[in-house]
N, C-alpha and C. Protein backbone atom coordinates (compact mmCIF):
# COMPACT_ATOMS: atom_id res chain seq x y z
N UNK A 1 80.50 43.98 -111.57
CA UNK A 1 79.07 43.90 -111.37
C UNK A 1 78.72 42.48 -110.93
N UNK A 2 77.49 42.30 -110.53
CA UNK A 2 77.06 41.02 -109.97
C UNK A 2 76.19 40.25 -110.95
N UNK A 3 76.10 38.97 -110.71
CA UNK A 3 75.21 38.17 -111.53
C UNK A 3 73.79 38.30 -110.98
N UNK A 4 72.79 38.21 -111.86
CA UNK A 4 71.40 38.30 -111.39
C UNK A 4 71.05 37.21 -110.38
N UNK A 5 71.59 36.01 -110.57
CA UNK A 5 71.29 34.92 -109.65
C UNK A 5 71.86 35.19 -108.26
N UNK A 6 73.07 35.71 -108.18
CA UNK A 6 73.68 36.04 -106.89
C UNK A 6 72.87 37.10 -106.17
N UNK A 7 72.45 38.11 -106.91
CA UNK A 7 71.64 39.18 -106.32
C UNK A 7 70.30 38.63 -105.85
N UNK A 8 69.62 37.85 -106.66
CA UNK A 8 68.33 37.27 -106.28
C UNK A 8 68.46 36.39 -105.05
N UNK A 9 69.51 35.59 -105.00
CA UNK A 9 69.74 34.73 -103.83
C UNK A 9 69.96 35.56 -102.57
N UNK A 10 70.72 36.63 -102.70
CA UNK A 10 71.00 37.48 -101.53
C UNK A 10 69.73 38.16 -101.03
N UNK A 11 68.87 38.58 -101.95
CA UNK A 11 67.65 39.31 -101.57
C UNK A 11 66.50 38.40 -101.16
N UNK A 12 66.58 37.12 -101.46
CA UNK A 12 65.46 36.20 -101.25
C UNK A 12 64.88 36.23 -99.84
N UNK A 13 65.68 36.20 -98.77
CA UNK A 13 65.07 36.21 -97.43
C UNK A 13 64.27 37.48 -97.14
N UNK A 14 64.76 38.62 -97.59
CA UNK A 14 64.04 39.88 -97.38
C UNK A 14 62.75 39.87 -98.20
N UNK A 15 62.85 39.44 -99.44
CA UNK A 15 61.66 39.38 -100.30
C UNK A 15 60.60 38.46 -99.71
N UNK A 16 61.01 37.30 -99.23
CA UNK A 16 60.05 36.35 -98.64
C UNK A 16 59.35 36.96 -97.44
N UNK A 17 60.09 37.64 -96.58
CA UNK A 17 59.50 38.24 -95.38
C UNK A 17 58.47 39.31 -95.76
N UNK A 18 58.79 40.13 -96.73
CA UNK A 18 57.86 41.18 -97.17
C UNK A 18 56.64 40.55 -97.83
N UNK A 19 56.85 39.53 -98.64
CA UNK A 19 55.76 38.88 -99.34
C UNK A 19 54.82 38.14 -98.39
N UNK A 20 55.34 37.68 -97.24
CA UNK A 20 54.48 37.04 -96.24
C UNK A 20 53.47 38.03 -95.66
N UNK A 21 53.77 39.31 -95.74
CA UNK A 21 52.86 40.35 -95.26
C UNK A 21 51.92 40.85 -96.36
N UNK A 22 51.90 40.14 -97.49
CA UNK A 22 50.94 40.44 -98.54
C UNK A 22 51.40 41.40 -99.62
N UNK A 23 52.70 41.66 -99.67
CA UNK A 23 53.25 42.57 -100.68
C UNK A 23 53.94 41.78 -101.78
N UNK A 24 54.15 42.43 -102.90
CA UNK A 24 54.89 41.86 -104.02
C UNK A 24 56.17 42.68 -104.14
N UNK A 25 57.30 42.01 -104.28
CA UNK A 25 58.57 42.72 -104.42
C UNK A 25 59.12 42.52 -105.83
N UNK A 26 59.81 43.53 -106.30
CA UNK A 26 60.48 43.51 -107.60
C UNK A 26 61.85 44.14 -107.39
N UNK A 27 62.80 43.73 -108.19
CA UNK A 27 64.09 44.42 -108.15
C UNK A 27 64.75 44.40 -109.52
N UNK A 28 65.56 45.40 -109.72
CA UNK A 28 66.38 45.49 -110.93
C UNK A 28 67.63 46.29 -110.58
N UNK A 29 68.62 46.20 -111.43
CA UNK A 29 69.84 46.98 -111.25
C UNK A 29 69.92 47.99 -112.38
N UNK A 30 70.11 49.23 -112.01
CA UNK A 30 70.27 50.31 -112.97
C UNK A 30 71.67 50.90 -112.74
N UNK A 31 72.63 50.52 -113.58
CA UNK A 31 74.02 50.94 -113.37
C UNK A 31 74.57 50.33 -112.10
N UNK A 32 74.88 51.16 -111.12
CA UNK A 32 75.40 50.65 -109.85
C UNK A 32 74.39 50.84 -108.72
N UNK A 33 73.08 50.86 -109.08
CA UNK A 33 72.02 51.05 -108.09
C UNK A 33 71.02 49.91 -108.14
N UNK A 34 70.73 49.35 -106.98
CA UNK A 34 69.64 48.39 -106.83
C UNK A 34 68.36 49.17 -106.68
N UNK A 35 67.40 48.90 -107.54
CA UNK A 35 66.07 49.50 -107.41
C UNK A 35 65.16 48.40 -106.89
N UNK A 36 64.69 48.59 -105.66
CA UNK A 36 63.89 47.60 -104.97
C UNK A 36 62.49 48.18 -104.78
N UNK A 37 61.50 47.53 -105.36
CA UNK A 37 60.13 48.04 -105.33
C UNK A 37 59.22 47.11 -104.57
N UNK A 38 58.31 47.71 -103.84
CA UNK A 38 57.33 46.98 -103.05
C UNK A 38 55.95 47.48 -103.46
N UNK A 39 55.08 46.54 -103.82
CA UNK A 39 53.71 46.87 -104.21
C UNK A 39 52.74 46.06 -103.36
N UNK A 40 51.61 46.64 -102.97
CA UNK A 40 50.66 45.89 -102.15
C UNK A 40 49.94 44.83 -102.97
N UNK A 41 49.78 43.67 -102.35
CA UNK A 41 48.94 42.64 -102.93
C UNK A 41 47.53 42.84 -102.42
N UNK A 42 46.63 41.95 -102.76
CA UNK A 42 45.23 42.10 -102.36
C UNK A 42 45.03 41.98 -100.86
N UNK A 43 45.95 41.31 -100.17
CA UNK A 43 45.81 41.13 -98.71
C UNK A 43 46.99 41.74 -97.95
N UNK A 44 47.49 42.87 -98.43
CA UNK A 44 48.65 43.50 -97.81
C UNK A 44 48.31 44.04 -96.42
N UNK A 45 49.22 43.83 -95.50
CA UNK A 45 49.12 44.33 -94.13
C UNK A 45 49.83 45.69 -94.08
N UNK A 46 49.05 46.76 -94.12
CA UNK A 46 49.63 48.10 -94.19
C UNK A 46 50.53 48.41 -93.01
N UNK A 47 50.17 47.93 -91.83
CA UNK A 47 50.97 48.20 -90.63
C UNK A 47 52.23 47.33 -90.54
N UNK A 48 52.35 46.34 -91.41
CA UNK A 48 53.47 45.40 -91.34
C UNK A 48 54.69 45.85 -92.13
N UNK A 49 54.53 46.80 -93.03
CA UNK A 49 55.63 47.21 -93.88
C UNK A 49 56.63 48.06 -93.08
N UNK A 50 57.86 47.63 -93.07
CA UNK A 50 58.91 48.36 -92.34
C UNK A 50 59.11 49.75 -92.91
N UNK A 51 59.49 50.72 -92.07
CA UNK A 51 59.83 52.04 -92.59
C UNK A 51 60.99 51.93 -93.59
N UNK A 52 60.99 52.82 -94.58
CA UNK A 52 62.03 52.78 -95.61
C UNK A 52 63.45 52.79 -95.05
N UNK A 53 63.76 53.61 -94.04
CA UNK A 53 65.14 53.59 -93.52
C UNK A 53 65.54 52.22 -92.96
N UNK A 54 64.59 51.51 -92.38
CA UNK A 54 64.89 50.18 -91.84
C UNK A 54 65.15 49.21 -92.99
N UNK A 55 64.27 49.20 -93.99
CA UNK A 55 64.47 48.32 -95.14
C UNK A 55 65.76 48.67 -95.87
N UNK A 56 66.05 49.95 -96.01
CA UNK A 56 67.28 50.37 -96.67
C UNK A 56 68.50 49.81 -95.95
N UNK A 57 68.52 49.89 -94.64
CA UNK A 57 69.63 49.36 -93.85
C UNK A 57 69.75 47.84 -94.05
N UNK A 58 68.61 47.16 -94.03
CA UNK A 58 68.62 45.70 -94.23
C UNK A 58 69.18 45.34 -95.61
N UNK A 59 68.75 46.06 -96.63
CA UNK A 59 69.24 45.78 -97.98
C UNK A 59 70.73 46.07 -98.11
N UNK A 60 71.18 47.19 -97.56
CA UNK A 60 72.61 47.52 -97.62
C UNK A 60 73.45 46.45 -96.92
N UNK A 61 73.00 45.99 -95.75
CA UNK A 61 73.75 44.96 -95.02
C UNK A 61 73.75 43.64 -95.79
N UNK A 62 72.63 43.30 -96.38
CA UNK A 62 72.53 42.06 -97.16
C UNK A 62 73.45 42.11 -98.37
N UNK A 63 73.45 43.22 -99.07
CA UNK A 63 74.32 43.36 -100.24
C UNK A 63 75.79 43.30 -99.84
N UNK A 64 76.15 43.95 -98.74
CA UNK A 64 77.54 43.93 -98.28
C UNK A 64 77.98 42.51 -97.92
N UNK A 65 77.11 41.75 -97.25
CA UNK A 65 77.45 40.36 -96.89
C UNK A 65 77.71 39.51 -98.13
N UNK A 66 76.98 39.81 -99.21
CA UNK A 66 77.13 39.06 -100.46
C UNK A 66 78.23 39.65 -101.34
N UNK A 67 78.95 40.64 -100.83
CA UNK A 67 80.01 41.32 -101.57
C UNK A 67 79.48 41.97 -102.84
N UNK A 68 78.27 42.52 -102.74
CA UNK A 68 77.64 43.24 -103.84
C UNK A 68 77.59 44.71 -103.43
N UNK A 69 78.39 45.51 -104.08
CA UNK A 69 78.53 46.91 -103.68
C UNK A 69 77.76 47.80 -104.65
N UNK A 70 76.62 48.29 -104.18
CA UNK A 70 75.79 49.17 -104.99
C UNK A 70 74.93 50.03 -104.09
N UNK A 71 74.48 51.13 -104.63
CA UNK A 71 73.55 52.00 -103.92
C UNK A 71 72.17 51.33 -103.92
N UNK A 72 71.31 51.80 -103.04
CA UNK A 72 69.96 51.24 -102.93
C UNK A 72 68.94 52.35 -103.11
N UNK A 73 67.95 52.09 -103.96
CA UNK A 73 66.80 52.98 -104.11
C UNK A 73 65.56 52.13 -103.89
N UNK A 74 64.67 52.59 -103.00
CA UNK A 74 63.46 51.84 -102.66
C UNK A 74 62.24 52.60 -103.16
N UNK A 75 61.35 51.88 -103.85
CA UNK A 75 60.04 52.41 -104.24
C UNK A 75 59.00 51.74 -103.35
N UNK A 76 58.23 52.56 -102.63
CA UNK A 76 57.16 52.05 -101.77
C UNK A 76 55.81 52.35 -102.40
N UNK A 77 54.77 51.66 -101.95
CA UNK A 77 53.43 51.91 -102.50
C UNK A 77 53.06 53.39 -102.44
N UNK A 78 52.48 53.87 -103.53
CA UNK A 78 52.03 55.25 -103.59
C UNK A 78 53.10 56.24 -104.03
N UNK A 79 54.30 55.78 -104.26
CA UNK A 79 55.38 56.66 -104.70
C UNK A 79 55.60 56.49 -106.20
N UNK A 80 56.09 57.53 -106.84
CA UNK A 80 56.47 57.42 -108.24
C UNK A 80 57.65 56.46 -108.33
N UNK A 81 57.56 55.48 -109.20
CA UNK A 81 58.60 54.45 -109.30
C UNK A 81 59.76 54.90 -110.16
N UNK A 82 60.95 54.54 -109.74
CA UNK A 82 62.14 54.73 -110.55
C UNK A 82 62.44 53.40 -111.21
N UNK A 83 62.83 53.42 -112.46
CA UNK A 83 63.14 52.17 -113.18
C UNK A 83 62.01 51.82 -114.12
N UNK A 84 62.33 51.08 -115.12
CA UNK A 84 61.35 50.76 -116.17
C UNK A 84 60.92 49.30 -116.16
N UNK A 85 61.85 48.40 -115.96
CA UNK A 85 61.51 46.98 -116.04
C UNK A 85 61.73 46.36 -114.68
N UNK A 86 60.81 45.50 -114.29
CA UNK A 86 60.90 44.85 -112.99
C UNK A 86 60.83 43.35 -113.16
N UNK A 87 61.53 42.66 -112.29
CA UNK A 87 61.46 41.20 -112.24
C UNK A 87 60.86 40.83 -110.90
N UNK A 88 60.00 39.86 -110.90
CA UNK A 88 59.45 39.38 -109.64
C UNK A 88 60.54 38.62 -108.92
N UNK A 89 60.72 38.94 -107.64
CA UNK A 89 61.68 38.23 -106.82
C UNK A 89 61.10 36.90 -106.42
N UNK A 90 61.97 35.93 -106.22
CA UNK A 90 61.47 34.63 -105.75
C UNK A 90 62.31 34.12 -104.62
């Protein structure tokens, strides 16, 4: 398994890009699955959020580059969330 710091470092560029569009990102690991959640902030750009398949591909590639092998589950605004505890990405 991976360290939380390694995972956070790997995800940081993606999180920053999404957050620049007014969203808040959270992530946690549940077993061998990354649960990546996106929630709208007060100034979220609805048209700026990438389609889930695009974000999924970006996350999978980022994890592979960091030698972090896990499945990816994405929660988008308006969807029932999987996972119980979330950490704010930085």
